[in-house]
């Protein structure tokens, strides 16, 4: 079985055998790693491909530069990207820079975590979490991390 994964560098969709996800797959177009161990920045230009062209779940951290809890949560989210890939793709949405997306998603407080599967929101959590609680919440949502 193969999975579709969008490249975090060039947004091209790659088909990767499921049993090879942990082997450090590279993009067929730009040759960059498909998993970088970092959260991908979302923008109006790439949000559709990130949410709709990944067969693995996508967890989005909605944040802002002026938000203290967001700043405290940022290193935890980056650690999660290192630990949880390739089972899940992590992405960040700067709600100040991408107000249209934040409005469309009805972000009312930050940080807000939104879990997407096949482009559809399946779970939402407001507030920063320590890594063990984030892992537990994802497991409750059926994500193996």
Protein backbone atom coordinates (compact mmCIF):
# COMPACT_ATOMS: atom_id res chain seq x y z
CA UNK A 1 0.00 0.00 0.00
CA UNK A 2 1.27 3.48 -0.88
CA UNK A 3 0.45 6.80 0.74
CA UNK A 4 0.25 10.24 -0.82
CA UNK A 5 2.38 12.84 0.96
CA UNK A 6 2.95 16.44 -0.04
CA UNK A 7 6.52 17.68 -0.01
CA UNK A 8 6.99 20.40 2.64
CA UNK A 9 9.47 22.18 0.32
CA UNK A 10 7.81 22.22 -3.12
CA UNK A 11 4.23 20.98 -2.35
CA UNK A 12 4.41 18.20 -4.97
CA UNK A 13 2.50 15.04 -4.05
CA UNK A 14 4.65 11.93 -3.67
CA UNK A 15 3.45 8.30 -3.52
CA UNK A 16 5.46 6.46 -0.90
CA UNK A 17 5.05 2.82 0.14
CA UNK A 18 3.61 2.75 3.67
CA UNK A 19 6.30 0.38 4.87
CA UNK A 20 9.02 2.83 3.69
CA UNK A 21 7.82 5.97 5.53
CA UNK A 22 10.50 5.56 8.20
CA UNK A 23 13.29 5.20 5.62
CA UNK A 24 13.77 8.94 5.05
CA UNK A 25 11.90 9.28 1.74
CA UNK A 26 12.83 12.14 -0.58
CA UNK A 27 10.65 14.16 -2.91
CA UNK A 28 10.70 12.95 -6.50
CA UNK A 29 10.81 16.54 -7.78
CA UNK A 30 13.04 18.61 -5.46
CA UNK A 31 14.93 15.69 -3.83
CA UNK A 32 14.42 17.23 -0.35
CA UNK A 33 13.30 15.01 2.56
CA UNK A 34 9.53 14.49 2.71
CA UNK A 35 9.85 14.47 6.52
CA UNK A 36 12.11 17.12 8.03
CA UNK A 37 11.42 16.71 11.74
CA UNK A 38 10.06 20.28 11.73
CA UNK A 39 6.58 21.73 11.64
CA UNK A 40 5.67 23.06 8.20
CA UNK A 41 4.58 26.70 7.91
CA UNK A 42 1.11 27.04 6.42
CA UNK A 43 0.09 29.83 4.07
CA UNK A 44 -2.72 30.53 1.65
CA UNK A 45 -0.44 29.14 -1.08
CA UNK A 46 0.13 25.71 0.49
CA UNK A 47 -2.69 25.04 2.96
CA UNK A 48 -4.80 23.11 0.46
CA UNK A 49 -2.00 20.78 -0.60
CA UNK A 50 -0.88 20.17 3.00
CA UNK A 51 -4.38 19.33 4.22
CA UNK A 52 -5.70 17.50 1.16
CA UNK A 53 -2.66 15.71 -0.27
CA UNK A 54 -1.44 13.90 2.83
CA UNK A 55 -2.85 10.47 3.59
CA UNK A 56 -1.48 10.74 7.13
CA UNK A 57 -3.17 13.00 9.72
CA UNK A 58 -2.09 16.65 9.84
CA UNK A 59 -1.93 18.50 13.16
CA UNK A 60 -1.98 22.30 12.88
CA UNK A 61 -0.84 24.66 15.64
CA UNK A 62 -2.65 28.00 15.25
CA UNK A 63 -0.52 30.65 16.93
CA UNK A 64 0.57 34.31 16.93
CA UNK A 65 3.89 36.02 17.63
CA UNK A 66 2.48 38.14 20.48
CA UNK A 67 0.98 35.14 22.33
CA UNK A 68 2.99 34.06 25.39
CA UNK A 69 1.49 30.56 25.67
CA UNK A 70 2.10 30.10 21.92
CA UNK A 71 5.77 30.97 22.37
CA UNK A 72 6.06 28.55 25.29
CA UNK A 73 4.36 25.79 23.28
CA UNK A 74 6.51 26.28 20.14
CA UNK A 75 9.48 24.12 21.30
CA UNK A 76 7.09 21.38 22.45
CA UNK A 77 5.42 21.35 19.02
CA UNK A 78 8.83 21.18 17.30
CA UNK A 79 9.82 18.28 19.55
CA UNK A 80 6.55 16.56 18.61
CA UNK A 81 7.44 16.97 14.91
CA UNK A 82 10.77 15.22 15.51
CA UNK A 83 9.21 12.40 17.52
CA UNK A 84 5.86 11.80 15.81
CA UNK A 85 6.82 11.88 12.11
CA UNK A 86 6.22 9.90 9.89
CA UNK A 87 2.90 8.93 11.52
CA UNK A 88 1.58 12.48 11.42
CA UNK A 89 2.47 15.74 9.65
CA UNK A 90 2.79 18.81 11.90
CA UNK A 91 2.14 22.30 10.59
CA UNK A 92 1.91 25.82 12.03
CA UNK A 93 -0.48 28.60 11.07
CA UNK A 94 0.47 32.15 12.04
CA UNK A 95 -3.02 33.57 12.62
CA UNK A 96 -1.80 37.16 12.23
CA UNK A 97 -0.14 36.56 8.87
CA UNK A 98 -2.95 34.30 7.58
CA UNK A 99 -6.07 35.99 8.96
CA UNK A 100 -8.25 34.65 6.16
CA UNK A 101 -7.51 31.03 7.05
CA UNK A 102 -7.82 31.76 10.78
CA UNK A 103 -11.23 33.31 10.16
CA UNK A 104 -12.35 30.43 7.94
CA UNK A 105 -11.33 27.96 10.67
CA UNK A 106 -13.05 30.14 13.30
CA UNK A 107 -9.99 30.43 15.54
CA UNK A 108 -11.23 32.17 18.69
CA UNK A 109 -8.33 31.55 21.05
CA UNK A 110 -4.69 30.64 20.63
CA UNK A 111 -2.89 28.39 20.73
CA UNK A 112 -5.43 26.11 19.09
CA UNK A 113 -4.56 22.66 17.78
CA UNK A 114 -6.63 21.26 14.91
CA UNK A 115 -6.30 17.69 13.70
CA UNK A 116 -7.17 17.07 10.05
CA UNK A 117 -7.67 13.81 8.16
CA UNK A 118 -8.11 13.88 4.39
CA UNK A 119 -8.61 17.66 4.55
CA UNK A 120 -11.41 17.51 7.13
CA UNK A 121 -11.20 18.71 10.71
CA UNK A 122 -11.67 15.77 13.08
CA UNK A 123 -10.63 17.26 16.44
CA UNK A 124 -9.76 20.57 18.05
CA UNK A 125 -8.08 21.54 21.32
CA UNK A 126 -7.39 25.01 22.69
CA UNK A 127 -4.40 25.67 24.91
CA UNK A 128 -0.80 24.57 25.14
CA UNK A 129 -0.04 21.03 26.26
CA UNK A 130 3.09 19.34 27.59
CA UNK A 131 4.43 16.72 25.18
CA UNK A 132 3.08 13.68 27.10
CA UNK A 133 -0.44 15.18 27.16
CA UNK A 134 -0.22 16.09 23.47
CA UNK A 135 0.76 12.49 22.70
CA UNK A 136 -2.13 11.19 24.84
CA UNK A 137 -4.63 13.53 23.11
CA UNK A 138 -3.44 12.38 19.67
CA UNK A 139 -3.74 8.74 20.70
CA UNK A 140 -7.31 9.41 21.89
CA UNK A 141 -7.99 10.70 18.36
CA UNK A 142 -6.72 7.42 16.88
CA UNK A 143 -3.28 8.68 15.82
CA UNK A 144 -0.42 6.30 16.56
CA UNK A 145 2.50 8.36 17.80
